[in-house]
Protein backbone atom coordinates (compact mmCIF):
# COMPACT_ATOMS: atom_id res chain seq x y z
CA UNK A 1 -13.87 -16.22 -18.80
CA UNK A 2 -13.18 -20.18 -18.64
CA UNK A 3 -9.36 -20.57 -16.79
CA UNK A 4 -10.10 -20.31 -13.23
CA UNK A 5 -12.76 -22.29 -10.31
CA UNK A 6 -15.44 -20.00 -10.86
CA UNK A 7 -15.99 -17.23 -12.91
CA UNK A 8 -18.63 -15.33 -11.70
CA UNK A 9 -19.53 -12.02 -13.54
CA UNK A 10 -18.56 -8.68 -11.84
CA UNK A 11 -21.20 -6.92 -10.04
CA UNK A 12 -22.59 -4.03 -12.06
CA UNK A 13 -20.42 -0.97 -12.00
CA UNK A 14 -16.95 -2.48 -11.30
CA UNK A 15 -15.56 -2.21 -14.67
CA UNK A 16 -16.58 1.77 -14.13
CA UNK A 17 -15.20 1.25 -10.64
CA UNK A 18 -11.88 -0.37 -11.64
CA UNK A 19 -10.90 2.16 -14.74
CA UNK A 20 -11.71 5.64 -12.71
CA UNK A 21 -9.52 3.70 -10.06
CA UNK A 22 -6.54 2.95 -12.31
CA UNK A 23 -6.52 6.31 -13.25
CA UNK A 24 -6.35 8.00 -10.13
CA UNK A 25 -3.41 5.89 -9.30
CA UNK A 26 -1.89 7.78 -12.48
CA UNK A 27 -2.34 4.92 -14.97
CA UNK A 28 -1.74 6.49 -18.60
CA UNK A 29 -4.15 3.76 -20.18
CA UNK A 30 -7.50 1.43 -19.83
CA UNK A 31 -7.24 -1.40 -22.13
CA UNK A 32 -10.09 -3.53 -22.33
CA UNK A 33 -9.98 -7.01 -23.51
CA UNK A 34 -11.40 -7.25 -25.08
CA UNK A 35 -13.93 -5.16 -28.25
CA UNK A 36 -15.57 -8.44 -29.32
CA UNK A 37 -16.20 -11.45 -27.88
CA UNK A 38 -15.26 -14.40 -30.12
CA UNK A 39 -17.76 -16.84 -31.26
CA UNK A 40 -15.06 -19.63 -31.95
CA UNK A 41 -11.39 -21.07 -30.95
CA UNK A 42 -10.31 -21.99 -27.41
CA UNK A 43 -11.10 -17.92 -26.37
CA UNK A 44 -13.87 -18.31 -27.28
CA UNK A 45 -15.37 -18.00 -23.57
CA UNK A 46 -13.55 -14.44 -22.42
CA UNK A 47 -16.18 -11.68 -22.68
CA UNK A 48 -15.79 -8.88 -24.39
CA UNK A 49 -17.37 -5.03 -25.37
CA UNK A 50 -19.71 -6.64 -27.61
CA UNK A 51 -21.13 -9.90 -27.50
CA UNK A 52 -20.54 -12.72 -30.14
CA UNK A 53 -23.44 -11.37 -32.20
CA UNK A 54 -22.54 -7.48 -31.70
CA UNK A 55 -24.58 -6.10 -29.82
CA UNK A 56 -22.84 -3.94 -26.45
CA UNK A 57 -22.84 -5.43 -23.50
CA UNK A 58 -23.40 -3.80 -19.53
CA UNK A 59 -19.10 -3.32 -19.89
CA UNK A 60 -19.49 -0.94 -22.86
CA UNK A 61 -21.86 0.67 -21.53
CA UNK A 62 -19.47 1.77 -18.22
CA UNK A 63 -16.50 1.62 -20.26
CA UNK A 64 -18.42 4.15 -22.47
CA UNK A 65 -19.52 6.47 -19.13
CA UNK A 66 -15.75 6.01 -17.91
CA UNK A 67 -14.56 7.57 -21.28
CA UNK A 68 -16.96 11.10 -20.59
CA UNK A 69 -15.94 11.47 -17.19
CA UNK A 70 -11.97 10.57 -17.03
CA UNK A 71 -11.28 13.90 -19.13
CA UNK A 72 -12.70 15.48 -15.71
CA UNK A 73 -9.78 14.04 -14.09
CA UNK A 74 -6.08 15.75 -13.14
CA UNK A 75 -3.83 14.56 -14.63
CA UNK A 76 -0.34 15.15 -12.47
CA UNK A 77 2.83 13.95 -11.68
CA UNK A 78 2.56 15.13 -8.51
CA UNK A 79 4.06 12.62 -6.26
CA UNK A 80 1.85 10.64 -3.25
CA UNK A 81 3.13 12.45 0.19
CA UNK A 82 3.48 8.19 0.81
CA UNK A 83 6.09 6.04 -0.53
CA UNK A 84 5.93 2.45 -0.01
CA UNK A 85 9.02 0.77 -1.29
CA UNK A 86 8.47 -2.85 -3.22
CA UNK A 87 11.04 -4.97 -4.67
CA UNK A 88 10.90 -8.15 -6.75
CA UNK A 89 14.29 -9.58 -5.60
CA UNK A 90 13.17 -9.37 -2.43
CA UNK A 91 9.95 -12.02 -3.36
CA UNK A 92 12.24 -13.96 -5.29
CA UNK A 93 14.92 -14.09 -1.87
CA UNK A 94 12.20 -14.84 0.84
CA UNK A 95 11.04 -17.55 -1.00
CA UNK A 96 14.39 -18.80 -1.23
CA UNK A 97 14.48 -18.60 2.62
CA UNK A 98 11.48 -17.68 4.55
CA UNK A 99 12.52 -18.99 7.97
CA UNK A 100 9.03 -19.79 8.51
CA UNK A 101 6.24 -21.50 6.01
CA UNK A 102 4.27 -18.48 6.32
CA UNK A 103 6.36 -15.71 5.25
CA UNK A 104 5.79 -14.31 2.13
CA UNK A 105 7.34 -10.97 1.02
CA UNK A 106 3.85 -9.71 -0.79
CA UNK A 107 1.87 -9.90 2.00
CA UNK A 108 4.00 -8.33 4.13
CA UNK A 109 4.04 -5.21 2.00
CA UNK A 110 0.21 -5.40 1.05
CA UNK A 111 -0.49 -6.07 4.43
CA UNK A 112 1.38 -2.30 5.25
CA UNK A 113 -0.64 -0.67 2.05
CA UNK A 114 -3.95 -1.60 2.91
CA UNK A 115 -3.03 -0.08 6.43
CA UNK A 116 -1.76 2.87 4.32
CA UNK A 117 -5.39 2.94 2.44
CA UNK A 118 -7.14 2.40 5.43
CA UNK A 119 -5.77 5.74 6.82
CA UNK A 120 -7.15 7.06 3.99
CA UNK A 121 -3.51 8.26 2.72
CA UNK A 122 -2.28 7.92 -1.10
CA UNK A 123 0.34 5.80 -2.26
CA UNK A 124 3.21 5.65 -4.65
CA UNK A 125 4.80 2.12 -5.14
CA UNK A 126 8.53 2.87 -5.45
CA UNK A 127 11.54 0.19 -6.29
CA UNK A 128 13.99 -1.29 -4.25
CA UNK A 129 16.64 2.24 -5.10
CA UNK A 130 14.43 4.09 -2.98
CA UNK A 131 14.98 6.58 -5.77
CA UNK A 132 11.98 10.04 -6.27
CA UNK A 133 12.11 10.90 -2.48
CA UNK A 134 11.59 14.52 -2.70
CA UNK A 135 8.40 15.78 -2.02
CA UNK A 136 7.09 12.31 0.30
CA UNK A 137 6.23 12.97 3.96
CA UNK A 138 6.51 9.06 4.81
CA UNK A 139 8.82 6.40 3.41
CA UNK A 140 7.45 2.78 4.39
CA UNK A 141 10.40 -0.03 3.54
CA UNK A 142 8.89 -3.34 4.74
CA UNK A 143 11.44 -6.60 4.44
CA UNK A 144 13.59 -4.86 1.37
CA UNK A 145 16.29 -7.60 2.03
CA UNK A 146 19.29 -5.55 0.65
CA UNK A 147 19.65 -1.61 0.35
CA UNK A 148 21.65 -0.73 -2.31
CA UNK A 149 24.18 2.54 -1.93
CA UNK A 150 21.30 4.47 -3.73
CA UNK A 151 18.82 3.07 -1.34
CA UNK A 152 21.33 3.80 2.02
CA UNK A 153 21.77 7.36 0.03
CA UNK A 154 18.55 8.28 -0.04
CA UNK A 155 17.39 7.40 3.01
CA UNK A 156 20.07 9.06 4.43
CA UNK A 157 19.36 12.55 2.59
CA UNK A 158 15.17 12.53 3.04
CA UNK A 159 13.66 14.72 5.88
CA UNK A 160 10.90 12.19 5.82
CA UNK A 161 9.73 10.10 8.34
CA UNK A 162 10.72 6.33 7.46
CA UNK A 163 9.69 3.27 8.18
CA UNK A 164 12.10 0.55 8.33
CA UNK A 165 11.64 -3.40 8.72
CA UNK A 166 11.13 -6.11 9.37
CA UNK A 167 14.13 -7.72 8.20
CA UNK A 168 15.06 -4.79 5.64
CA UNK A 169 18.80 -5.57 4.72
CA UNK A 170 18.63 -9.47 6.31
CA UNK A 171 21.38 -10.26 3.39
CA UNK A 172 23.99 -8.08 0.98
CA UNK A 173 23.35 -8.40 -2.81
CA UNK A 174 24.93 -11.91 -2.81
CA UNK A 175 22.82 -13.22 0.03
CA UNK A 176 24.81 -12.97 2.41
CA UNK A 177 24.65 -11.81 6.50
CA UNK A 178 25.89 -8.65 6.53
CA UNK A 179 28.26 -7.29 8.94
CA UNK A 180 25.42 -5.64 10.95
CA UNK A 181 22.10 -6.04 11.12
CA UNK A 182 20.25 -3.72 10.20
CA UNK A 183 22.72 -2.44 7.99
CA UNK A 184 24.51 1.03 8.35
CA UNK A 185 22.43 3.98 6.58
CA UNK A 186 25.30 6.69 6.36
CA UNK A 187 25.10 9.93 8.46
CA UNK A 188 21.39 8.43 9.63
CA UNK A 189 23.08 5.03 10.67
CA UNK A 190 20.90 3.81 12.90
CA UNK A 191 22.19 2.40 16.55
CA UNK A 192 20.23 -0.74 16.68
CA UNK A 193 21.81 -4.18 16.54
CA UNK A 194 19.75 -7.25 15.47
CA UNK A 195 20.27 -9.98 17.90
CA UNK A 196 17.85 -12.94 17.29
CA UNK A 197 14.95 -13.73 15.43
CA UNK A 198 11.97 -16.25 15.22
CA UNK A 199 9.13 -16.88 12.80
CA UNK A 200 6.11 -17.75 14.64
CA UNK A 201 3.64 -20.04 13.93
CA UNK A 202 -0.12 -18.78 12.98
CA UNK A 203 -1.61 -19.08 16.43
CA UNK A 204 1.59 -17.63 18.27
CA UNK A 205 1.22 -13.84 18.26
CA UNK A 206 3.21 -11.92 20.56
CA UNK A 207 1.37 -9.64 21.78
CA UNK A 208 2.50 -5.83 21.78
CA UNK A 209 1.31 -2.34 21.52
CA UNK A 210 -2.66 -2.20 20.73
CA UNK A 211 -2.17 -4.99 18.47
CA UNK A 212 0.76 -8.07 18.17
CA UNK A 213 3.16 -9.72 15.95
CA UNK A 214 2.45 -12.56 13.57
CA UNK A 215 4.46 -14.79 11.98
CA UNK A 216 7.89 -13.47 12.49
CA UNK A 217 9.65 -11.51 15.03
CA UNK A 218 13.34 -9.90 15.93
CA UNK A 219 15.20 -9.19 19.25
CA UNK A 220 16.77 -6.31 18.90
CA UNK A 221 19.27 -4.33 20.88
CA UNK A 222 18.97 -0.46 21.10
CA UNK A 223 22.11 1.57 21.94
CA UNK A 224 22.30 5.19 23.50
CA UNK A 225 21.54 7.37 20.19
CA UNK A 226 18.40 5.37 19.52
CA UNK A 227 15.39 5.30 21.44
CA UNK A 228 13.29 1.96 22.18
CA UNK A 229 9.36 2.18 20.87
CA UNK A 230 7.17 0.12 23.20
CA UNK A 231 7.63 -3.06 24.89
CA UNK A 232 6.12 -6.64 23.43
CA UNK A 233 4.33 -8.66 26.13
CA UNK A 234 8.15 -10.40 26.68
CA UNK A 235 9.65 -7.18 27.60
CA UNK A 236 11.30 -6.90 24.40
CA UNK A 237 11.00 -3.52 22.08
CA UNK A 238 8.78 -3.37 19.34
CA UNK A 239 11.27 -1.76 17.40
CA UNK A 240 13.36 1.96 17.93
CA UNK A 241 14.04 5.71 16.61
CA UNK A 242 16.19 7.55 15.61
CA UNK A 243 16.03 10.79 14.31
CA UNK A 244 13.64 10.84 11.36
CA UNK A 245 14.57 7.49 10.98
CA UNK A 246 12.01 3.91 12.78
CA UNK A 247 12.43 0.19 12.52
CA UNK A 248 9.70 -2.32 13.14
CA UNK A 249 11.14 -5.30 14.84
CA UNK A 250 8.62 -7.83 13.28
CA UNK A 251 5.25 -8.41 11.56
CA UNK A 252 2.55 -5.95 12.75
CA UNK A 253 -0.91 -8.16 12.57
CA UNK A 254 -3.55 -5.38 11.75
CA UNK A 255 -3.61 -3.59 15.00
CA UNK A 256 -0.48 -2.82 15.66
CA UNK A 257 0.49 -1.79 11.93
CA UNK A 258 -2.49 0.80 11.95
CA UNK A 259 -0.90 2.10 15.61
CA UNK A 260 2.38 2.35 14.37
CA UNK A 261 2.23 3.88 11.17
CA UNK A 262 -0.96 6.75 12.14
CA UNK A 263 2.05 7.63 14.68
CA UNK A 264 3.95 8.13 11.92
CA UNK A 265 1.79 10.27 9.99
CA UNK A 266 1.07 11.86 12.95
CA UNK A 267 4.74 12.86 12.64
CA UNK A 268 4.91 13.71 9.11
CA UNK A 269 1.96 15.99 9.51
CA UNK A 270 -0.56 13.78 7.53
CA UNK A 271 -4.03 14.25 7.74
CA UNK A 272 -5.59 10.80 8.19
CA UNK A 273 -8.84 9.56 8.08
CA UNK A 274 -10.73 6.03 9.68
CA UNK A 275 -11.91 4.28 6.07
CA UNK A 276 -14.78 2.05 7.19
CA UNK A 277 -14.81 -1.34 5.32
CA UNK A 278 -15.10 -0.96 1.08
CA UNK A 279 -14.58 2.67 1.13
CA UNK A 280 -10.95 3.77 -0.79
CA UNK A 281 -9.70 7.89 -1.01
CA UNK A 282 -7.02 8.73 -3.95
CA UNK A 283 -5.99 11.79 -4.16
CA UNK A 284 -4.90 12.64 -7.74
CA UNK A 285 -3.65 16.37 -8.60
CA UNK A 286 -6.18 19.31 -7.40
CA UNK A 287 -8.86 16.02 -7.32
CA UNK A 288 -9.98 13.34 -5.15
CA UNK A 289 -11.70 10.47 -6.01
CA UNK A 290 -14.08 8.25 -3.56
CA UNK A 291 -14.54 4.42 -4.38
CA UNK A 292 -16.86 2.16 -2.41
CA UNK A 293 -16.46 -1.21 -3.03
CA UNK A 294 -19.11 -2.02 -0.22
CA UNK A 295 -22.54 -2.93 -0.88
CA UNK A 296 -24.22 -1.06 1.43
CA UNK A 297 -24.35 3.06 0.58
CA UNK A 298 -21.50 4.77 2.25
CA UNK A 299 -21.24 9.04 3.75
CA UNK A 300 -18.67 10.64 2.50
CA UNK A 301 -19.93 14.10 3.24
CA UNK A 302 -16.96 14.67 5.84
CA UNK A 303 -14.59 13.65 2.17
CA UNK A 304 -15.56 15.23 0.03
CA UNK A 305 -16.96 18.27 1.56
CA UNK A 306 -19.25 20.22 -0.97
CA UNK A 307 -17.09 19.92 -4.19
CA UNK A 308 -18.53 17.13 -5.65
CA UNK A 309 -18.38 17.01 -9.69
CA UNK A 310 -20.35 13.69 -10.26
CA UNK A 311 -20.84 10.90 -7.33
CA UNK A 312 -23.43 11.59 -4.29
CA UNK A 313 -23.56 11.26 -0.16
CA UNK A 314 -23.97 8.83 0.76
CA UNK A 315 -22.29 7.03 -2.49
CA UNK A 316 -24.28 4.43 -3.60
CA UNK A 317 -22.82 0.41 -3.69
CA UNK A 318 -19.69 0.07 -6.48
CA UNK A 319 -19.80 3.66 -7.13
CA UNK A 320 -17.38 6.40 -8.03
CA UNK A 321 -17.43 10.15 -6.53
CA UNK A 322 -14.99 12.58 -7.41
CA UNK A 323 -14.36 15.97 -5.69
CA UNK A 324 -11.81 19.32 -5.92
CA UNK A 325 -9.41 18.64 -3.37
CA UNK A 326 -9.93 22.24 -2.32
CA UNK A 327 -13.53 21.97 -1.12
CA UNK A 328 -12.84 18.86 1.06
CA UNK A 329 -12.68 19.45 4.81
CA UNK A 330 -9.21 19.91 6.84
CA UNK A 331 -7.41 20.23 3.05
């Protein structure tokens, strides 16, 4: 393409990897733009599966391979065990009132997503009303600025482990401060009150647990019905737990996200695995897919066992493996 400051070519294998990963995450269609690179007009520098003279490109070879391999994938609507809430209105709300130059709702949610995926967990993104919690084992809700009645009902009725925060329920739907922070959740109402908040400079993290809070933290008061979760270096609780619902009183750094989510996954009876840089796993129906974004080969025997359908261990750089999930150790 021609619209960015630099336009590096994708590494060999990446067209196939991106396509198969999209299918693994539930995509019904992968449509390539474009079929043939136009030799004229404003978009003539947009590459295609065919070059301007009609010859096939490397991308065509990879896409043709995907067309042959995609038929082996499970096509199932089975929900992932982990649900992560994302809300566009929350993104708009925190753009209006970030309370800190670096605060980004998208980055907060993406940090949680990255940590979940690094633990080898399959994740579905759900909307702000938190519909579709049946069958979930872990629900993560970072920074949902307003909790609708449907969301509160869903949280009150789910048996999944739930992680809220930070800034969850910080506003009403009319962008006003609610009477209690965080707001009540019906029968599962948290006996926790947010007394004060602060935005942190990037160079002033607050040590907590195995990591630190960065950019944002909250000072909470924990009532008799809840239990405080650890304490930061300044003595304030890093969160609280009541029943199956936990509240995180700050923006965790990667190490703190890891420890918080690892504890939550353990309580939810989810199997986790420490994935090395560049390696990602996605379970889809009866299959498990492993993706190697790294320029180095990766040993994946512990992830796929003897159930490989295609791919190999070690998995080559920018390659994909498909395995039968029932043959995976521990599955």
